[in-house]
């Protein structure tokens, strides 16, 4: 018996996190190069997902979006810290 695939999966993303999806897609594509991810109005679409990877991929998608949120929201703080340390 071969590997079974789910033709398309949509992982719902809360509205407050939607703006971080695009930034997270590149990280996801590196982590799962054989899968195809895309943003949709409801969340993240994954094409041709092996059923045995469903939980792992769902967890990784949500984690990547949360990491992107942290990155975007802390970037101004990091820039300010670098300016404060490097200004003479």
N, C-alpha and C. Protein backbone atom coordinates (compact mmCIF):
# COMPACT_ATOMS: atom_id res chain seq x y z
N UNK A 1 0.84 -1.18 0.00
CA UNK A 1 0.00 0.00 0.00
C UNK A 1 0.89 1.25 0.00
N UNK A 2 0.61 2.20 -0.87
CA UNK A 2 1.41 3.42 -0.99
C UNK A 2 0.98 4.48 0.02
N UNK A 3 1.67 5.57 -0.01
CA UNK A 3 1.37 6.69 0.86
C UNK A 3 0.08 7.36 0.39
N UNK A 4 -0.79 7.66 1.32
CA UNK A 4 -2.05 8.34 1.00
C UNK A 4 -1.87 9.84 1.13
N UNK A 5 -2.49 10.59 0.22
CA UNK A 5 -2.35 12.04 0.18
C UNK A 5 -3.69 12.72 0.36
N UNK A 6 -3.65 13.86 0.99
CA UNK A 6 -4.79 14.75 1.06
C UNK A 6 -4.59 15.76 -0.06
N UNK A 7 -5.53 15.87 -0.98
CA UNK A 7 -5.36 16.72 -2.15
C UNK A 7 -5.09 18.17 -1.78
N UNK A 8 -5.86 18.69 -0.83
CA UNK A 8 -5.65 20.08 -0.40
C UNK A 8 -6.09 20.21 1.04
N UNK A 9 -5.29 20.91 1.81
CA UNK A 9 -5.60 21.19 3.20
C UNK A 9 -5.55 22.69 3.40
N UNK A 10 -6.54 23.22 4.10
CA UNK A 10 -6.50 24.63 4.49
C UNK A 10 -6.36 24.67 5.99
N UNK A 11 -5.27 25.26 6.44
CA UNK A 11 -5.03 25.43 7.87
C UNK A 11 -5.54 26.80 8.25
N UNK A 12 -6.61 26.86 9.06
CA UNK A 12 -7.17 28.15 9.43
C UNK A 12 -6.18 28.98 10.25
N UNK A 13 -6.15 30.26 9.99
CA UNK A 13 -5.29 31.20 10.71
C UNK A 13 -6.18 32.30 11.26
N UNK A 14 -6.09 32.59 12.57
CA UNK A 14 -6.91 33.67 13.13
C UNK A 14 -6.66 34.99 12.41
N UNK A 15 -7.69 35.79 12.31
CA UNK A 15 -7.63 37.06 11.59
C UNK A 15 -6.47 37.93 12.06
N UNK A 16 -6.20 37.97 13.36
CA UNK A 16 -5.12 38.80 13.90
C UNK A 16 -3.74 38.38 13.40
N UNK A 17 -3.62 37.16 12.87
CA UNK A 17 -2.33 36.65 12.41
C UNK A 17 -2.22 36.61 10.89
N UNK A 18 -3.29 36.95 10.18
CA UNK A 18 -3.30 36.86 8.72
C UNK A 18 -2.17 37.66 8.08
N UNK A 19 -1.84 38.81 8.63
CA UNK A 19 -0.82 39.65 7.98
C UNK A 19 0.59 39.07 8.07
N UNK A 20 0.76 38.00 8.85
CA UNK A 20 2.08 37.38 8.99
C UNK A 20 2.24 36.12 8.15
N UNK A 21 1.18 35.72 7.45
CA UNK A 21 1.21 34.48 6.68
C UNK A 21 2.23 34.55 5.55
N UNK A 22 2.20 35.60 4.75
CA UNK A 22 3.12 35.69 3.60
C UNK A 22 4.58 35.57 4.03
N UNK A 23 4.94 36.24 5.11
CA UNK A 23 6.32 36.17 5.58
C UNK A 23 6.71 34.78 6.06
N UNK A 24 5.76 34.04 6.57
CA UNK A 24 6.03 32.70 7.08
C UNK A 24 6.14 31.66 5.96
N UNK A 25 5.58 31.94 4.80
CA UNK A 25 5.56 30.94 3.73
C UNK A 25 6.95 30.55 3.24
N UNK A 26 7.86 31.49 3.18
CA UNK A 26 9.21 31.16 2.73
C UNK A 26 9.88 30.20 3.70
N UNK A 27 9.75 30.48 4.98
CA UNK A 27 10.33 29.60 6.00
C UNK A 27 9.73 28.19 5.88
N UNK A 28 8.44 28.12 5.64
CA UNK A 28 7.78 26.82 5.51
C UNK A 28 8.26 26.08 4.27
N UNK A 29 8.46 26.81 3.17
CA UNK A 29 8.91 26.18 1.94
C UNK A 29 10.31 25.60 2.09
N UNK A 30 11.14 26.25 2.89
CA UNK A 30 12.48 25.72 3.16
C UNK A 30 12.39 24.48 4.03
N UNK A 31 11.50 24.51 5.00
CA UNK A 31 11.35 23.39 5.92
C UNK A 31 10.74 22.16 5.24
N UNK A 32 9.83 22.39 4.30
CA UNK A 32 9.14 21.32 3.58
C UNK A 32 9.25 21.56 2.07
N UNK A 33 10.41 21.32 1.47
CA UNK A 33 10.59 21.66 0.07
C UNK A 33 9.72 20.87 -0.90
N UNK A 34 9.23 19.72 -0.50
CA UNK A 34 8.40 18.92 -1.41
C UNK A 34 6.92 19.31 -1.37
N UNK A 35 6.54 20.19 -0.44
CA UNK A 35 5.14 20.62 -0.34
C UNK A 35 4.97 22.00 -0.96
N UNK A 36 3.76 22.31 -1.35
CA UNK A 36 3.44 23.62 -1.93
C UNK A 36 2.47 24.34 -1.01
N UNK A 37 2.90 25.50 -0.53
CA UNK A 37 2.10 26.32 0.37
C UNK A 37 1.64 27.57 -0.37
N UNK A 38 0.47 28.06 0.00
CA UNK A 38 0.01 29.34 -0.51
C UNK A 38 -0.93 29.96 0.52
N UNK A 39 -1.00 31.29 0.46
CA UNK A 39 -1.87 32.03 1.37
C UNK A 39 -3.27 32.06 0.77
N UNK A 40 -4.25 31.97 1.64
CA UNK A 40 -5.64 32.13 1.21
C UNK A 40 -6.33 33.04 2.22
N UNK A 41 -7.52 33.45 1.91
CA UNK A 41 -8.26 34.31 2.83
C UNK A 41 -8.54 33.66 4.17
N UNK A 42 -8.59 32.34 4.18
CA UNK A 42 -8.89 31.61 5.40
C UNK A 42 -7.65 31.18 6.16
N UNK A 43 -6.51 31.17 5.50
CA UNK A 43 -5.29 30.72 6.17
C UNK A 43 -4.22 30.31 5.19
N UNK A 44 -3.69 29.12 5.39
CA UNK A 44 -2.61 28.59 4.55
C UNK A 44 -3.10 27.33 3.86
N UNK A 45 -2.94 27.28 2.56
CA UNK A 45 -3.30 26.09 1.78
C UNK A 45 -2.06 25.26 1.55
N UNK A 46 -2.21 23.95 1.72
CA UNK A 46 -1.13 23.01 1.46
C UNK A 46 -1.67 22.01 0.43
N UNK A 47 -0.94 21.85 -0.67
CA UNK A 47 -1.36 20.94 -1.74
C UNK A 47 -0.63 19.60 -1.60
N UNK A 48 -1.36 18.54 -1.89
CA UNK A 48 -0.79 17.19 -1.94
C UNK A 48 -0.01 16.83 -0.67
N UNK A 49 -0.69 16.86 0.43
CA UNK A 49 -0.06 16.59 1.73
C UNK A 49 -0.20 15.11 2.08
N UNK A 50 0.92 14.43 2.36
CA UNK A 50 0.81 13.05 2.82
C UNK A 50 0.06 13.02 4.17
N UNK A 51 -0.89 12.11 4.29
CA UNK A 51 -1.71 12.07 5.50
C UNK A 51 -0.89 11.83 6.77
N UNK A 52 0.21 11.12 6.65
CA UNK A 52 1.02 10.86 7.84
C UNK A 52 1.81 12.10 8.30
N UNK A 53 1.79 13.18 7.53
CA UNK A 53 2.50 14.41 7.89
C UNK A 53 1.54 15.52 8.35
N UNK A 54 0.25 15.22 8.40
CA UNK A 54 -0.77 16.22 8.66
C UNK A 54 -0.53 16.99 9.95
N UNK A 55 -0.37 16.30 11.06
CA UNK A 55 -0.19 16.98 12.35
C UNK A 55 1.12 17.77 12.40
N UNK A 56 2.18 17.19 11.88
CA UNK A 56 3.48 17.85 11.87
C UNK A 56 3.45 19.14 11.06
N UNK A 57 2.83 19.09 9.89
CA UNK A 57 2.76 20.27 9.03
C UNK A 57 1.88 21.34 9.64
N UNK A 58 0.74 20.96 10.19
CA UNK A 58 -0.16 21.93 10.83
C UNK A 58 0.58 22.65 11.96
N UNK A 59 1.28 21.90 12.79
CA UNK A 59 2.05 22.49 13.89
C UNK A 59 3.12 23.44 13.36
N UNK A 60 3.82 23.04 12.33
CA UNK A 60 4.90 23.87 11.77
C UNK A 60 4.36 25.15 11.14
N UNK A 61 3.21 25.06 10.47
CA UNK A 61 2.61 26.25 9.84
C UNK A 61 2.27 27.28 10.91
N UNK A 62 1.58 26.85 11.94
CA UNK A 62 1.18 27.79 12.99
C UNK A 62 2.40 28.35 13.73
N UNK A 63 3.40 27.52 13.94
CA UNK A 63 4.62 27.98 14.60
C UNK A 63 5.36 29.01 13.74
N UNK A 64 5.45 28.77 12.44
CA UNK A 64 6.13 29.70 11.54
C UNK A 64 5.41 31.05 11.50
N UNK A 65 4.09 31.03 11.52
CA UNK A 65 3.33 32.29 11.53
C UNK A 65 3.56 33.04 12.82
N UNK A 66 3.57 32.34 13.93
CA UNK A 66 3.82 32.99 15.22
C UNK A 66 5.24 33.57 15.27
N UNK A 67 6.22 32.83 14.76
CA UNK A 67 7.59 33.35 14.71
C UNK A 67 7.68 34.60 13.85
N UNK A 68 6.96 34.62 12.74
CA UNK A 68 6.95 35.80 11.87
C UNK A 68 6.35 36.99 12.60
N UNK A 69 5.30 36.75 13.37
CA UNK A 69 4.67 37.81 14.16
C UNK A 69 5.67 38.40 15.15
N UNK A 70 6.38 37.55 15.86
CA UNK A 70 7.38 38.01 16.82
C UNK A 70 8.47 38.80 16.10
N UNK A 71 8.95 38.28 14.96
CA UNK A 71 9.99 38.96 14.20
C UNK A 71 9.55 40.36 13.80
N UNK A 72 8.37 40.47 13.20
CA UNK A 72 7.87 41.76 12.71
C UNK A 72 7.66 42.74 13.87
N UNK A 73 7.09 42.26 14.94
CA UNK A 73 6.77 43.16 16.05
C UNK A 73 7.99 43.59 16.86
N UNK A 74 9.07 42.82 16.83
CA UNK A 74 10.26 43.20 17.59
C UNK A 74 11.33 43.86 16.74
N UNK A 75 11.15 43.92 15.44
CA UNK A 75 12.14 44.53 14.56
C UNK A 75 12.43 46.00 14.93
N UNK A 76 11.44 46.83 15.19
CA UNK A 76 11.74 48.21 15.58
C UNK A 76 12.56 48.28 16.89
N UNK A 77 12.30 47.39 17.80
CA UNK A 77 13.07 47.37 19.05
C UNK A 77 14.53 47.00 18.79
N UNK A 78 14.75 46.03 17.92
CA UNK A 78 16.12 45.63 17.60
C UNK A 78 16.86 46.75 16.88
N UNK A 79 16.18 47.44 15.97
CA UNK A 79 16.80 48.57 15.27
C UNK A 79 17.17 49.67 16.26
N UNK A 80 16.26 49.97 17.19
CA UNK A 80 16.54 51.01 18.19
C UNK A 80 17.72 50.61 19.07
N UNK A 81 17.81 49.36 19.44
CA UNK A 81 18.91 48.89 20.27
C UNK A 81 20.24 49.00 19.52
N UNK A 82 20.24 48.62 18.27
CA UNK A 82 21.47 48.71 17.46
C UNK A 82 21.90 50.17 17.31
N UNK A 83 20.92 51.06 17.05
CA UNK A 83 21.25 52.50 16.95
C UNK A 83 21.82 53.01 18.27
N UNK A 84 21.24 52.63 19.37
CA UNK A 84 21.70 53.11 20.68
C UNK A 84 23.11 52.62 20.99
N UNK A 85 23.42 51.43 20.57
CA UNK A 85 24.72 50.85 20.86
C UNK A 85 25.79 51.38 19.91
N UNK A 86 25.43 51.69 18.67
CA UNK A 86 26.43 52.09 17.69
C UNK A 86 26.61 53.59 17.53
N UNK A 87 25.70 54.39 18.08
CA UNK A 87 25.84 55.85 17.97
C UNK A 87 26.96 56.32 18.89
N UNK A 88 27.81 57.19 18.35
CA UNK A 88 28.93 57.70 19.16
C UNK A 88 28.85 59.17 19.32
